[in-house]
């Protein structure tokens, strides 16, 4: 067994996971209740493309101007609800790995848009928890759900008598 899968260490991963989940849940809640509109954020990101050392790279500015801004109404829904779902998943330890991936992807996009804030810290914590794999959800609902889902799919894919290959 690897050191980071130890049951005592997994308590640390649970605390980090729950803390990270709270950060995401609070961010999503504030956006949902505060009239979130991503267009200002996206326009600010475009303004950071100028100068000798731009905070936003040209290829990402192109993504913002040609995809994100024309579809800002979609982002106005996806971002706060995505943050809420990532937060709930991490707090409960349910769909932990997808929640960590989604959260890290959002942090990466926020950083690519020129926003530092807490994003590097949240991104790093997500990467650490992804590194720990299943140890990140020993103290969570995935500890029960993952074996049940695996058992269900194994049962569904067992060959049925008389339904095998033709003889």
Protein backbone atom coordinates (compact mmCIF):
# COMPACT_ATOMS: atom_id res chain seq x y z
CA UNK A 1 0.00 0.00 0.00
CA UNK A 2 1.24 3.48 -0.86
CA UNK A 3 1.75 5.91 2.00
CA UNK A 4 -0.94 8.29 0.75
CA UNK A 5 -3.55 5.49 0.85
CA UNK A 6 -3.10 4.96 4.59
CA UNK A 7 -6.38 5.24 6.52
CA UNK A 8 -4.91 7.87 8.85
CA UNK A 9 -3.64 9.98 5.95
CA UNK A 10 -7.00 9.64 4.16
CA UNK A 11 -8.53 11.80 6.88
CA UNK A 12 -6.26 14.62 5.69
CA UNK A 13 -7.46 14.07 2.11
CA UNK A 14 -11.07 14.17 3.29
CA UNK A 15 -10.48 17.46 5.12
CA UNK A 16 -8.77 18.95 2.04
CA UNK A 17 -11.55 17.63 -0.24
CA UNK A 18 -14.30 19.07 1.95
CA UNK A 19 -12.47 22.40 2.27
CA UNK A 20 -12.10 22.54 -1.52
CA UNK A 21 -15.77 21.66 -1.91
CA UNK A 22 -16.79 24.49 0.40
CA UNK A 23 -14.74 26.94 -1.69
CA UNK A 24 -16.55 25.83 -4.85
CA UNK A 25 -19.99 25.74 -3.24
CA UNK A 26 -19.59 29.26 -1.85
CA UNK A 27 -18.34 30.62 -5.19
CA UNK A 28 -21.25 29.05 -7.06
CA UNK A 29 -23.80 30.19 -4.48
CA UNK A 30 -22.57 33.79 -4.64
CA UNK A 31 -22.80 33.73 -8.42
CA UNK A 32 -26.29 32.22 -8.39
CA UNK A 33 -27.63 34.69 -5.85
CA UNK A 34 -25.66 37.73 -7.02
CA UNK A 35 -26.80 38.09 -10.61
CA UNK A 36 -23.68 36.62 -12.24
CA UNK A 37 -22.85 37.81 -15.74
CA UNK A 38 -19.62 36.46 -17.25
CA UNK A 39 -19.44 39.11 -19.99
CA UNK A 40 -17.59 41.62 -17.77
CA UNK A 41 -15.06 38.96 -16.71
CA UNK A 42 -14.55 37.89 -20.32
CA UNK A 43 -14.11 41.48 -21.55
CA UNK A 44 -11.59 42.13 -18.76
CA UNK A 45 -9.68 39.03 -19.88
CA UNK A 46 -9.52 40.40 -23.44
CA UNK A 47 -8.07 43.64 -22.09
CA UNK A 48 -5.20 41.60 -20.58
CA UNK A 49 -3.92 40.54 -24.01
CA UNK A 50 -1.98 43.74 -24.63
CA UNK A 51 1.59 44.60 -23.83
CA UNK A 52 4.94 42.88 -23.99
CA UNK A 53 3.98 40.19 -21.42
CA UNK A 54 0.23 39.69 -21.74
CA UNK A 55 -1.60 37.90 -18.93
CA UNK A 56 -3.89 36.27 -21.51
CA UNK A 57 -2.39 34.50 -24.50
CA UNK A 58 -3.65 35.22 -28.01
CA UNK A 59 -5.06 31.74 -28.60
CA UNK A 60 -7.15 31.99 -25.42
CA UNK A 61 -8.29 35.51 -26.31
CA UNK A 62 -9.45 34.06 -29.62
CA UNK A 63 -11.47 31.42 -27.73
CA UNK A 64 -13.02 34.15 -25.59
CA UNK A 65 -13.90 36.49 -28.44
CA UNK A 66 -15.08 33.82 -30.92
CA UNK A 67 -16.76 31.32 -28.59
CA UNK A 68 -17.22 32.40 -24.97
CA UNK A 69 -18.56 35.94 -25.51
CA UNK A 70 -21.01 34.96 -28.29
CA UNK A 71 -22.28 32.20 -25.97
CA UNK A 72 -22.09 34.14 -22.71
CA UNK A 73 -25.68 33.19 -21.79
CA UNK A 74 -24.59 29.53 -21.71
CA UNK A 75 -21.56 30.36 -19.57
CA UNK A 76 -23.79 32.39 -17.22
CA UNK A 77 -25.57 29.12 -16.43
CA UNK A 78 -22.70 26.63 -16.67
CA UNK A 79 -20.22 28.44 -14.44
CA UNK A 80 -22.32 28.94 -11.27
CA UNK A 81 -24.10 25.57 -11.55
CA UNK A 82 -20.80 23.85 -12.36
CA UNK A 83 -19.24 25.42 -9.27
CA UNK A 84 -22.20 24.36 -7.13
CA UNK A 85 -22.09 20.76 -8.41
CA UNK A 86 -18.33 20.51 -7.99
CA UNK A 87 -18.71 21.81 -4.44
CA UNK A 88 -21.49 19.37 -3.55
CA UNK A 89 -19.62 16.45 -5.09
CA UNK A 90 -16.47 17.23 -3.15
CA UNK A 91 -18.22 17.87 0.15
CA UNK A 92 -20.19 14.63 -0.09
CA UNK A 93 -17.35 12.67 -1.67
CA UNK A 94 -19.70 11.64 -4.49
CA UNK A 95 -18.37 11.59 -8.05
CA UNK A 96 -15.17 12.86 -6.47
CA UNK A 97 -12.80 12.29 -9.38
CA UNK A 98 -15.11 13.91 -11.98
CA UNK A 99 -15.69 16.81 -9.56
CA UNK A 100 -11.95 17.27 -9.07
CA UNK A 101 -11.37 17.20 -12.83
CA UNK A 102 -14.18 19.69 -13.49
CA UNK A 103 -12.95 22.00 -10.73
CA UNK A 104 -9.36 21.88 -11.94
CA UNK A 105 -10.56 22.56 -15.50
CA UNK A 106 -12.49 25.63 -14.32
CA UNK A 107 -9.48 26.86 -12.29
CA UNK A 108 -7.26 26.41 -15.31
CA UNK A 109 -9.64 28.43 -17.48
CA UNK A 110 -9.88 31.20 -14.89
CA UNK A 111 -6.06 31.35 -14.78
CA UNK A 112 -5.82 31.33 -18.58
CA UNK A 113 -8.22 34.29 -18.53
CA UNK A 114 -5.66 36.19 -16.45
CA UNK A 115 -7.18 35.76 -12.99
CA UNK A 116 -4.89 34.61 -10.21
CA UNK A 117 -6.80 35.07 -6.93
CA UNK A 118 -7.16 31.68 -5.20
CA UNK A 119 -7.17 29.70 -8.45
CA UNK A 120 -3.56 28.41 -8.22
CA UNK A 121 -4.21 27.18 -4.67
CA UNK A 122 -7.51 25.50 -5.56
CA UNK A 123 -5.95 23.98 -8.69
CA UNK A 124 -2.99 22.62 -6.69
CA UNK A 125 -5.25 21.07 -4.04
CA UNK A 126 -7.32 19.42 -6.80
CA UNK A 127 -4.14 18.03 -8.40
CA UNK A 128 -2.94 16.65 -5.05
CA UNK A 129 -6.31 14.97 -4.47
CA UNK A 130 -6.33 13.56 -8.01
CA UNK A 131 -2.87 12.13 -7.31
CA UNK A 132 -4.22 10.31 -4.25
CA UNK A 133 -6.92 8.63 -6.37
CA UNK A 134 -9.39 6.54 -4.38
CA UNK A 135 -7.78 7.68 -1.10
CA UNK A 136 -9.45 11.06 -1.70
CA UNK A 137 -12.89 9.55 -1.17
CA UNK A 138 -12.35 6.89 1.51
CA UNK A 139 -14.35 9.20 3.77
CA UNK A 140 -17.16 9.94 1.33
CA UNK A 141 -20.13 8.47 -0.49
CA UNK A 142 -17.94 7.19 -3.34
CA UNK A 143 -16.52 4.68 -0.88
CA UNK A 144 -19.93 3.01 -1.06
CA UNK A 145 -21.09 4.09 -4.52
CA UNK A 146 -18.06 3.07 -6.60
CA UNK A 147 -18.13 -0.63 -5.59
CA UNK A 148 -21.91 -0.72 -6.10
CA UNK A 149 -21.63 0.81 -9.59
CA UNK A 150 -18.80 -1.58 -10.52
CA UNK A 151 -20.84 -4.56 -9.30
CA UNK A 152 -23.87 -3.39 -11.30
CA UNK A 153 -21.91 -3.06 -14.54
CA UNK A 154 -20.09 -6.35 -14.04
CA UNK A 155 -23.47 -8.02 -13.58
CA UNK A 156 -24.84 -6.33 -16.73
CA UNK A 157 -21.93 -7.47 -18.88
CA UNK A 158 -21.83 -11.14 -17.86
CA UNK A 159 -22.70 -13.42 -20.77
CA UNK A 160 -26.20 -14.87 -20.47
CA UNK A 161 -26.57 -18.65 -20.98
CA UNK A 162 -27.69 -19.33 -24.52
CA UNK A 163 -26.90 -15.76 -25.68
CA UNK A 164 -23.24 -16.26 -26.52
CA UNK A 165 -21.52 -16.41 -29.87
CA UNK A 166 -22.93 -18.58 -32.63
CA UNK A 167 -21.58 -22.13 -32.79
